Amino acid sequence: MSDGLYIVGFGANIDPERNITSALATLLHRFGKVHVSRIARTAPVGVPGGAFFLNGALAFRSPLAEQDMKTWFNALETAHGRDRTSPDCKILPRPLDLDILHHLKRAEAPRREALPRDSYARPFVEDLLAHLDLAHRTAWDPPLDCVTLIVAGHRVGERSVTLTAPPSPAPPSRTAFPSSHQDSSP
């Protein structure tokens, strides 16, 4: 199975700096390379009485099927403290929210009419698609109150960036002797 490109919207309004930083570090560790849009403070939409959100978009490649990715995202949200058992979980403040916006099988941009129209998602997706050379930036670019976070030693948030996980350390090398090796000492 080949890797598909996932484009994901993310947000948090409960301890958002800590939870977004942690989630991005987890995604980087799991997928090795993650493209991240600008990250901005946005007013809550459909979340009564909630604090401001930090929102953005990200993209990465994975062979996981969409349902498996959604299940993994739900587990990551739960690990960050989101209560998905509440019937009101869609409108409650949340420590982490990850939504698959597009799953592309080939290196192509999603259809323009498929882009989210919401002010809390669209500018981030367009920013990310331009960063990935999948689309040209449009004139629809509202000013954003961007924030800066440090994820695995990288500055994230002021502009779209590509994060690459450092290679895993190689196991210590051992000198291997051929099976016919015999000690020649007296």
Protein backbone atom coordinates (compact mmCIF):
# COMPACT_ATOMS: atom_id res chain seq x y z
CA MET A 1 0.00 0.00 0.00
CA SER A 2 1.40 3.42 -0.89
CA ASP A 3 1.52 6.39 1.41
CA GLY A 4 -1.33 8.85 1.08
CA LEU A 5 -1.05 12.51 2.01
CA TYR A 6 -3.20 13.47 4.97
CA ILE A 7 -4.19 17.11 5.41
CA VAL A 8 -5.42 17.63 8.95
CA GLY A 9 -6.95 20.55 10.81
CA PHE A 10 -5.95 20.89 14.45
CA GLY A 11 -6.99 23.02 17.37
CA ALA A 12 -7.10 23.29 21.13
CA ASN A 13 -8.50 25.75 23.66
CA ILE A 14 -7.60 24.01 26.92
CA ASP A 15 -3.90 24.59 27.66
CA PRO A 16 -3.45 24.97 23.88
CA GLU A 17 0.27 25.78 23.76
CA ARG A 18 1.22 22.68 25.72
CA ASN A 19 -1.27 20.34 24.02
CA ILE A 20 -0.52 21.47 20.44
CA THR A 21 3.24 21.26 21.08
CA SER A 22 2.87 17.77 22.52
CA ALA A 23 0.59 16.55 19.71
CA LEU A 24 2.90 17.89 16.98
CA ALA A 25 5.90 16.22 18.65
CA THR A 26 3.97 12.92 18.78
CA LEU A 27 3.00 13.21 15.10
CA LEU A 28 6.59 14.04 14.14
CA HIS A 29 7.86 11.02 16.07
CA ARG A 30 5.24 8.73 14.48
CA PHE A 31 5.41 9.93 10.86
CA GLY A 32 8.96 11.31 10.60
CA LYS A 33 8.08 14.37 8.52
CA VAL A 34 5.24 16.78 9.21
CA HIS A 35 4.37 19.99 7.36
CA VAL A 36 2.77 22.58 9.65
CA SER A 37 0.92 25.77 8.66
CA ARG A 38 0.93 28.98 10.60
CA ILE A 39 -0.67 28.60 14.01
CA ALA A 40 -2.99 31.35 15.17
CA ARG A 41 -5.29 32.33 17.97
CA THR A 42 -8.90 32.20 16.79
CA ALA A 43 -12.25 32.92 18.42
CA PRO A 44 -14.26 29.83 19.34
CA VAL A 45 -16.89 28.89 16.74
CA GLY A 46 -19.74 26.72 17.99
CA VAL A 47 -18.10 26.27 21.41
CA PRO A 48 -20.16 28.26 23.92
CA GLY A 49 -18.20 30.12 26.57
CA GLY A 50 -14.94 28.65 25.41
CA ALA A 51 -11.55 30.32 25.50
CA PHE A 52 -9.69 31.27 22.33
CA PHE A 53 -8.33 28.38 20.27
CA LEU A 54 -4.96 27.80 18.69
CA ASN A 55 -5.69 26.49 15.20
CA GLY A 56 -3.66 25.34 12.23
CA ALA A 57 -3.29 22.64 9.62
CA LEU A 58 -0.70 19.96 9.05
CA ALA A 59 0.14 17.38 6.43
CA PHE A 60 2.08 14.13 6.46
CA ARG A 61 2.29 10.88 4.54
CA SER A 62 1.09 7.58 5.96
CA PRO A 63 -0.02 4.19 4.65
CA LEU A 64 -2.78 4.03 7.29
CA ALA A 65 -6.36 3.86 6.01
CA GLU A 66 -8.60 6.79 6.92
CA GLN A 67 -10.57 4.89 9.57
CA ASP A 68 -7.36 3.67 11.21
CA MET A 69 -5.98 7.23 11.17
CA LYS A 70 -9.21 8.57 12.74
CA THR A 71 -9.01 5.91 15.45
CA TRP A 72 -5.38 6.84 16.14
CA PHE A 73 -6.33 10.57 16.26
CA ASN A 74 -9.16 9.83 18.72
CA ALA A 75 -6.70 7.97 20.97
CA LEU A 76 -4.26 10.90 20.77
CA GLU A 77 -7.04 13.36 21.66
CA THR A 78 -8.07 11.18 24.60
CA ALA A 79 -4.44 10.91 25.77
CA HIS A 80 -4.40 14.73 25.87
CA GLY A 81 -7.51 14.80 28.07
CA ARG A 82 -10.41 15.06 25.63
CA ASP A 83 -13.58 13.35 26.86
CA ARG A 84 -15.05 11.78 23.73
CA THR A 85 -17.76 9.97 25.74
CA SER A 86 -19.80 13.11 26.40
CA PRO A 87 -22.74 13.59 24.04
CA ASP A 88 -21.69 17.27 23.88
CA CYS A 89 -18.03 16.56 23.01
CA LYS A 90 -18.43 18.35 19.65
CA ILE A 91 -19.28 21.67 21.35
CA LEU A 92 -17.25 21.49 24.57
CA PRO A 93 -13.87 23.21 25.01
CA ARG A 94 -11.14 20.74 24.15
CA PRO A 95 -7.49 20.08 24.88
CA LEU A 96 -6.97 18.70 21.35
CA ASP A 97 -9.00 18.32 18.18
CA LEU A 98 -7.64 16.60 15.04
CA ASP A 99 -9.81 16.42 11.92
CA ILE A 100 -8.90 14.75 8.64
CA LEU A 101 -9.74 17.35 6.00
CA HIS A 102 -8.35 15.51 2.98
CA HIS A 103 -6.68 12.19 2.22
CA LEU A 104 -4.95 12.39 -1.15
CA LYS A 105 -3.67 9.25 -2.83
CA ARG A 106 -1.48 11.17 -5.29
CA ALA A 107 0.46 14.45 -5.17
CA GLU A 108 -2.41 16.66 -6.19
CA ALA A 109 -4.25 19.49 -4.54
CA PRO A 110 -7.73 18.92 -3.20
CA ARG A 111 -10.47 20.47 -5.31
CA ARG A 112 -10.93 24.14 -4.38
CA GLU A 113 -14.62 23.60 -3.64
CA ALA A 114 -13.61 20.91 -1.13
CA LEU A 115 -11.55 23.34 0.97
CA PRO A 116 -13.13 24.23 4.29
CA ARG A 117 -14.97 27.55 4.22
CA ASP A 118 -14.66 28.17 7.95
CA SER A 119 -12.47 31.10 8.96
CA TYR A 120 -10.78 28.92 11.59
CA ALA A 121 -9.65 26.33 9.01
CA ARG A 122 -9.45 27.70 5.48
CA PRO A 123 -6.48 30.12 5.81
CA PHE A 124 -4.38 27.39 7.40
CA VAL A 125 -5.19 24.83 4.72
CA GLU A 126 -4.48 27.32 1.92
CA ASP A 127 -1.23 28.31 3.63
CA LEU A 128 -0.19 24.66 3.90
CA LEU A 129 -1.14 23.79 0.31
CA ALA A 130 0.94 26.73 -0.98
CA HIS A 131 3.87 25.56 1.20
CA LEU A 132 3.58 22.08 -0.34
CA ASP A 133 3.38 23.54 -3.87
CA LEU A 134 -0.03 21.91 -4.29
CA ALA A 135 -1.83 25.21 -4.85
CA HIS A 136 -1.12 28.87 -5.29
CA ARG A 137 -1.97 31.19 -2.48
CA THR A 138 -5.27 32.93 -3.01
CA ALA A 139 -6.22 36.50 -2.24
CA TRP A 140 -8.32 35.19 0.68
CA ASP A 141 -5.75 35.69 3.40
CA PRO A 142 -7.21 37.27 6.53
CA PRO A 143 -4.75 38.65 9.05
CA LEU A 144 -3.93 36.08 11.69
CA ASP A 145 -2.76 36.47 15.27
CA CYS A 146 0.06 33.93 14.88
CA VAL A 147 1.85 32.34 17.81
CA THR A 148 5.25 30.69 18.05
CA LEU A 149 5.71 27.26 19.58
CA ILE A 150 8.86 25.16 19.90
CA VAL A 151 8.35 21.58 18.72
CA ALA A 152 11.31 19.20 18.95
CA GLY A 153 13.67 22.17 18.76
CA HIS A 154 11.92 23.76 15.74
CA ARG A 155 10.11 27.13 15.69
CA VAL A 156 6.56 26.55 14.50
CA GLY A 157 3.63 28.88 13.97
CA GLU A 158 4.77 32.11 12.31
CA ARG A 159 4.84 30.59 8.81
CA SER A 160 4.44 27.16 7.24
CA VAL A 161 7.37 24.86 7.94
CA THR A 162 8.43 21.29 7.34
CA LEU A 163 9.60 19.38 10.38
CA THR A 164 11.77 16.30 9.99
CA ALA A 165 12.45 13.96 12.88
CA PRO A 166 16.10 13.27 13.56
CA PRO A 167 17.17 9.80 12.51
CA SER A 168 16.95 7.19 15.21
CA PRO A 169 20.30 6.52 16.78
CA ALA A 170 22.02 3.50 15.31
CA PRO A 171 22.55 0.61 17.70
CA PRO A 172 26.13 0.33 18.93
CA SER A 173 28.20 -1.62 16.44
CA ARG A 174 29.69 -4.89 17.53
CA THR A 175 32.55 -6.62 15.86
CA ALA A 176 31.18 -9.76 14.36
CA PHE A 177 33.51 -12.71 13.96
CA PRO A 178 33.00 -15.31 11.27
CA SER A 179 31.65 -18.53 12.67
CA SER A 180 34.95 -20.21 11.83
CA HIS A 181 36.86 -17.79 14.09
CA GLN A 182 38.82 -19.61 16.73
CA ASP A 183 41.00 -18.25 19.41
CA SER A 184 44.60 -18.76 18.28
CA SER A 185 46.14 -18.03 21.64
CA PRO A 186 48.17 -20.84 23.22
